Amino acid sequence: MRRFVYGVNVDTKDYNPITHIVVLTEEEARSLEDFEDLLERFGERMVALQVEEEHGV
């Protein structure tokens, strides 16, 4: 079974810059209606990405 990794930004309801990722099966991915559906159904599986600090030179 194929799996898909979705990268989303839960603050802007967009995909950039990515703040969280979630892995979905092909069936789950195809059944999504919109961003709110993604959050409602699979939000508990989302993993927050650690923000890297920028270092000045």
C-alpha atoms as a PDB file:
ATOM      1  CA  MET A   1       0.000   0.000   0.000  1.00  0.00           C
ATOM      2  CA  ARG A   2       1.356   3.400  -0.965  1.00  0.00           C
ATOM      3  CA  ARG A   3       1.663   6.125   1.648  1.00  0.00           C
ATOM      4  CA  PHE A   4       1.891   9.862   1.208  1.00  0.00           C
ATOM      5  CA  VAL A   5       3.591  12.442   3.401  1.00  0.00           C
ATOM      6  CA  TYR A   6       1.736  15.723   3.609  1.00  0.00           C
ATOM      7  CA  GLY A   7       3.561  18.821   4.803  1.00  0.00           C
ATOM      8  CA  VAL A   8       1.310  21.614   6.028  1.00  0.00           C
ATOM      9  CA  ASN A   9       1.374  24.868   7.933  1.00  0.00           C
ATOM     10  CA  VAL A  10      -1.432  24.651  10.498  1.00  0.00           C
ATOM     11  CA  ASP A  11      -1.229  28.372  11.271  1.00  0.00           C
ATOM     12  CA  THR A  12      -1.835  29.623   7.727  1.00  0.00           C
ATOM     13  CA  LYS A  13      -3.881  26.636   6.474  1.00  0.00           C
ATOM     14  CA  ASP A  14      -1.440  26.462   3.624  1.00  0.00           C
ATOM     15  CA  TYR A  15       1.492  24.275   2.726  1.00  0.00           C
ATOM     16  CA  ASN A  16       4.406  26.723   3.112  1.00  0.00           C
ATOM     17  CA  PRO A  17       6.405  27.047   5.215  1.00  0.00           C
ATOM     18  CA  ILE A  18       5.802  23.515   6.473  1.00  0.00           C
ATOM     19  CA  THR A  19       5.304  23.287  10.250  1.00  0.00           C
ATOM     20  CA  HIS A  20       3.776  19.790  10.531  1.00  0.00           C
ATOM     21  CA  ILE A  21       3.845  16.520   8.603  1.00  0.00           C
ATOM     22  CA  VAL A  22       1.412  13.608   8.491  1.00  0.00           C
ATOM     23  CA  VAL A  23       1.588  10.246   6.716  1.00  0.00           C
ATOM     24  CA  LEU A  24      -1.598   9.059   5.018  1.00  0.00           C
ATOM     25  CA  THR A  25      -2.488   5.956   3.076  1.00  0.00           C
ATOM     26  CA  GLU A  26      -3.486   6.417  -0.551  1.00  0.00           C
ATOM     27  CA  GLU A  27      -7.119   5.792   0.380  1.00  0.00           C
ATOM     28  CA  GLU A  28      -7.017   8.401   3.158  1.00  0.00           C
ATOM     29  CA  ALA A  29      -5.335  10.956   0.899  1.00  0.00           C
ATOM     30  CA  ARG A  30      -7.884  10.476  -1.877  1.00  0.00           C
ATOM     31  CA  SER A  31     -10.784  10.881   0.561  1.00  0.00           C
ATOM     32  CA  LEU A  32      -9.727  14.347   1.743  1.00  0.00           C
ATOM     33  CA  GLU A  33     -12.189  17.111   1.009  1.00  0.00           C
ATOM     34  CA  ASP A  34     -10.208  20.161   2.139  1.00  0.00           C
ATOM     35  CA  PHE A  35      -7.676  21.439   4.665  1.00  0.00           C
ATOM     36  CA  GLU A  36     -10.195  21.461   7.532  1.00  0.00           C
ATOM     37  CA  ASP A  37     -11.042  17.818   6.781  1.00  0.00           C
ATOM     38  CA  LEU A  38      -7.342  16.963   7.005  1.00  0.00           C
ATOM     39  CA  LEU A  39      -7.023  18.655  10.405  1.00  0.00           C
ATOM     40  CA  GLU A  40     -10.236  17.159  11.773  1.00  0.00           C
ATOM     41  CA  ARG A  41      -9.606  13.573  10.691  1.00  0.00           C
ATOM     42  CA  PHE A  42      -5.830  13.280  10.923  1.00  0.00           C
ATOM     43  CA  GLY A  43      -4.703  16.123  13.164  1.00  0.00           C
ATOM     44  CA  GLU A  44      -3.817  13.754  15.998  1.00  0.00           C
ATOM     45  CA  ARG A  45      -1.287  12.047  13.705  1.00  0.00           C
ATOM     46  CA  MET A  46       0.485  15.266  12.730  1.00  0.00           C
ATOM     47  CA  VAL A  47       4.057  15.672  13.877  1.00  0.00           C
ATOM     48  CA  ALA A  48       5.370  19.172  14.544  1.00  0.00           C
ATOM     49  CA  LEU A  49       8.682  19.969  12.930  1.00  0.00           C
ATOM     50  CA  GLN A  50      11.372  21.596  14.993  1.00  0.00           C
ATOM     51  CA  VAL A  51      12.177  25.087  13.802  1.00  0.00           C
ATOM     52  CA  GLU A  52      15.867  25.623  13.162  1.00  0.00           C
ATOM     53  CA  GLU A  53      17.329  28.820  14.483  1.00  0.00           C
ATOM     54  CA  GLU A  54      19.094  30.966  11.932  1.00  0.00           C
ATOM     55  CA  HIS A  55      22.670  31.810  12.793  1.00  0.00           C
ATOM     56  CA  GLY A  56      24.201  35.055  11.606  1.00  0.00           C
ATOM     57  CA  VAL A  57      27.694  35.084  10.178  1.00  0.00           C
END
